[in-house]
Amino acid sequence: MLSKVGKLVTNKIPASTTVAGVRGSEQDSASGIDWITDEDSSPSQPDPAADAYRLLQNGAYSEAAAAFARLIPNAPDSVKTQYQYSQAWCLASANDLVGAIKLLRVMPASGPFTIQRALLLARLNLETGAIPEAIQVLESVRLSPELETDDRVLVQGMLQEARALKSQ
C-alpha cells in the first residue's frame, strides 16, 4: 500500500524536452525542420528538499520526515502540500502511524494530493483500528472523478475490509 501511494514521493527534475516542426513540403529534409531544444532544464537554484528526498531514497524515513517538517513552514504554497504528504508517508514508513495520521488529518482534503491523502489516511486508520474514520474517508473519495481505475479497486477493497472489521 505504501508503495502505491508513495509513487508521488519523488523528486525528479523533468528531462530536457525537444520540439520539432516540419515546414510545408520539405518533410524529408532535415534542413526543413526547426529544432527547439530546452538547453537549461535544471533549476537555477538548488532544490531545498534535495536532502529530504535523498534521505527518503536511502530508507532513512524518520530523518526524511524531520527534514520535510523543517521545510514546511517556509515552503511556497505550490509545494507545501507535497512536503506534508511526503512527511506523512515517511512517518508511516517509519512506523509512526499516529504521527502520520495526525499530519494527514490537517492536510487539505482537496487539491493535488486528495486521492493519495485519502488512501494513506484510510489505510493507517484501518491499521490502528479507527474503522469508522476509515470508512468515512473512503466514502468521501469513492465517487471522485479523479479516482483512477486501480485506485477505485483499492478503495473498494479497503471499504470491504473496513466493513468486515466493523461487523466483528
Protein backbone atom coordinates (compact mmCIF):
# COMPACT_ATOMS: atom_id res chain seq x y z
CA MET A 1 0.00 0.00 0.00
CA LEU A 2 2.78 2.42 0.89
CA SER A 3 4.50 1.78 -2.42
CA LYS A 4 1.21 2.52 -4.22
CA VAL A 5 0.67 5.88 -2.54
CA GLY A 6 4.39 6.56 -2.40
CA LYS A 7 4.74 6.93 -6.14
CA LEU A 8 4.29 10.68 -5.71
CA VAL A 9 7.03 10.96 -3.12
CA THR A 10 9.85 11.59 -5.56
CA ASN A 11 11.97 14.49 -6.54
CA LYS A 12 12.75 14.10 -10.20
CA ILE A 13 13.54 17.01 -12.47
CA PRO A 14 11.85 16.60 -15.86
CA ALA A 15 14.22 15.70 -18.64
CA SER A 16 15.04 18.22 -21.32
CA THR A 17 12.35 18.49 -23.95
CA THR A 18 12.78 18.83 -27.70
CA VAL A 19 10.17 20.10 -30.12
CA ALA A 20 10.43 19.74 -33.89
CA GLY A 21 8.31 21.40 -36.53
CA VAL A 22 8.06 20.48 -40.20
CA ARG A 23 7.74 23.12 -42.90
CA GLY A 24 5.45 22.55 -45.87
CA SER A 25 6.69 20.01 -48.39
CA GLU A 26 10.22 19.78 -47.02
CA GLN A 27 9.27 16.93 -44.70
CA ASP A 28 12.03 14.63 -45.89
CA SER A 29 14.78 17.17 -45.46
CA ALA A 30 16.47 17.67 -42.09
CA SER A 31 17.15 21.26 -43.13
CA GLY A 32 13.39 21.89 -43.26
CA ILE A 33 12.95 21.08 -39.57
CA ASP A 34 13.12 23.76 -36.91
CA TRP A 35 14.60 22.33 -33.73
CA ILE A 36 13.87 23.99 -30.43
CA THR A 37 15.73 22.50 -27.51
CA ASP A 38 15.34 23.35 -23.86
CA GLU A 39 19.01 23.69 -23.02
CA ASP A 40 18.58 24.76 -19.41
CA SER A 41 16.19 22.26 -17.84
CA SER A 42 17.90 22.30 -14.46
CA PRO A 43 16.62 24.68 -11.79
CA SER A 44 18.59 27.87 -11.30
CA GLN A 45 18.64 27.36 -7.53
CA PRO A 46 19.29 24.15 -5.63
CA ASP A 47 16.20 22.25 -4.53
CA PRO A 48 15.67 22.93 -0.82
CA ALA A 49 14.16 19.45 -0.42
CA ALA A 50 17.08 17.60 -2.03
CA ASP A 51 18.41 16.36 1.33
CA ALA A 52 14.97 15.20 2.43
CA TYR A 53 14.48 13.25 -0.79
CA ARG A 54 17.98 11.77 -0.54
CA LEU A 55 17.19 10.55 3.00
CA LEU A 56 13.90 9.10 1.79
CA GLN A 57 15.56 7.26 -1.11
CA ASN A 58 18.15 5.85 1.30
CA GLY A 59 15.41 4.48 3.58
CA ALA A 60 16.10 6.92 6.44
CA TYR A 61 12.38 7.61 6.83
CA SER A 62 12.42 9.22 10.28
CA GLU A 63 15.19 11.60 9.26
CA ALA A 64 13.45 12.37 5.97
CA ALA A 65 10.21 13.14 7.83
CA ALA A 66 12.10 15.53 10.09
CA ALA A 67 13.71 17.18 7.07
CA PHE A 68 10.31 17.69 5.40
CA ALA A 69 8.93 19.08 8.67
CA ARG A 70 11.67 21.73 8.69
CA LEU A 71 10.83 22.73 5.11
CA ILE A 72 7.06 23.10 5.52
CA PRO A 73 6.86 26.39 7.47
CA ASN A 74 8.77 28.38 4.82
CA ALA A 75 7.68 26.41 1.75
CA PRO A 76 5.80 28.17 -1.04
CA ASP A 77 2.16 27.14 -1.29
CA SER A 78 2.91 25.33 -4.56
CA VAL A 79 4.96 22.66 -2.74
CA LYS A 80 3.72 22.82 0.85
CA THR A 81 1.13 20.06 0.40
CA GLN A 82 3.71 17.91 -1.40
CA TYR A 83 6.09 18.27 1.55
CA GLN A 84 3.28 17.50 4.02
CA TYR A 85 2.29 14.37 2.13
CA SER A 86 5.94 13.31 1.82
CA GLN A 87 6.43 13.82 5.55
CA ALA A 88 3.31 11.76 6.36
CA TRP A 89 4.40 8.98 4.00
CA CYS A 90 7.85 8.92 5.62
CA LEU A 91 6.31 8.78 9.09
CA ALA A 92 4.11 5.87 8.05
CA SER A 93 7.12 4.10 6.53
CA ALA A 94 8.99 4.63 9.80
CA ASN A 95 6.04 3.03 11.68
CA ASP A 96 4.98 6.29 13.30
CA LEU A 97 1.37 5.67 12.32
CA VAL A 98 -0.12 8.10 14.83
CA GLY A 99 2.20 10.91 13.71
CA ALA A 100 1.33 10.22 10.07
CA ILE A 101 -2.41 10.18 10.82
CA LYS A 102 -2.20 13.48 12.70
CA LEU A 103 -0.43 15.11 9.78
CA LEU A 104 -2.80 13.68 7.17
CA ARG A 105 -5.82 14.90 9.16
CA VAL A 106 -4.64 18.52 9.00
CA MET A 107 -3.69 18.38 5.32
CA PRO A 108 -6.13 19.92 2.84
CA ALA A 109 -8.84 17.41 1.91
CA SER A 110 -8.86 18.76 -1.64
CA GLY A 111 -6.14 19.66 -4.08
CA PRO A 112 -3.31 17.82 -5.78
CA PHE A 113 -2.91 15.08 -3.14
CA THR A 114 -6.59 14.44 -2.39
CA ILE A 115 -6.67 10.82 -3.52
CA GLN A 116 -3.26 9.85 -2.15
CA ARG A 117 -4.01 11.52 1.19
CA ALA A 118 -7.33 9.69 1.47
CA LEU A 119 -5.85 6.30 0.57
CA LEU A 120 -2.97 6.62 3.02
CA LEU A 121 -5.17 8.01 5.80
CA ALA A 122 -7.74 5.24 5.34
CA ARG A 123 -5.06 2.53 5.34
CA LEU A 124 -3.48 3.93 8.51
CA ASN A 125 -6.89 4.23 10.16
CA LEU A 126 -7.56 0.57 9.36
CA GLU A 127 -4.16 -0.39 10.77
CA THR A 128 -4.82 1.47 14.03
CA GLY A 129 -8.43 0.33 14.47
CA ALA A 130 -10.13 3.63 13.60
CA ILE A 131 -12.63 1.82 11.41
CA PRO A 132 -15.43 4.47 11.34
CA GLU A 133 -12.95 7.17 10.26
CA ALA A 134 -11.51 4.86 7.59
CA ILE A 135 -15.00 4.26 6.19
CA GLN A 136 -15.77 7.98 6.26
CA VAL A 137 -12.55 8.85 4.40
CA LEU A 138 -13.07 6.12 1.81
CA GLU A 139 -16.71 7.08 1.24
CA SER A 140 -15.71 10.71 0.73
CA VAL A 141 -13.31 9.80 -2.07
CA ARG A 142 -15.08 6.73 -3.54
CA LEU A 143 -17.06 8.64 -6.18
CA SER A 144 -14.38 11.18 -7.02
CA PRO A 145 -13.96 11.69 -10.77
CA GLU A 146 -10.18 11.92 -10.23
CA LEU A 147 -10.06 8.35 -8.92
CA GLU A 148 -8.25 6.13 -11.43
CA THR A 149 -9.39 2.57 -12.08
CA ASP A 150 -6.70 0.88 -9.97
CA ASP A 151 -7.32 3.34 -7.14
CA ARG A 152 -11.07 2.68 -7.38
CA VAL A 153 -10.38 -1.05 -6.94
CA LEU A 154 -8.16 -0.24 -3.95
CA VAL A 155 -10.87 1.94 -2.36
CA GLN A 156 -13.50 -0.80 -2.87
CA GLY A 157 -11.20 -3.39 -1.31
CA MET A 158 -10.45 -1.20 1.70
CA LEU A 159 -14.16 -0.44 2.14
CA GLN A 160 -14.92 -4.17 2.18
CA GLU A 161 -12.11 -4.72 4.67
CA ALA A 162 -13.37 -1.88 6.89
CA ARG A 163 -16.97 -3.14 6.85
CA ALA A 164 -15.82 -6.65 7.70
CA LEU A 165 -13.77 -5.31 10.62
CA LYS A 166 -16.68 -3.16 11.79
CA SER A 167 -19.05 -6.14 11.85
CA GLN A 168 -16.70 -8.19 14.08
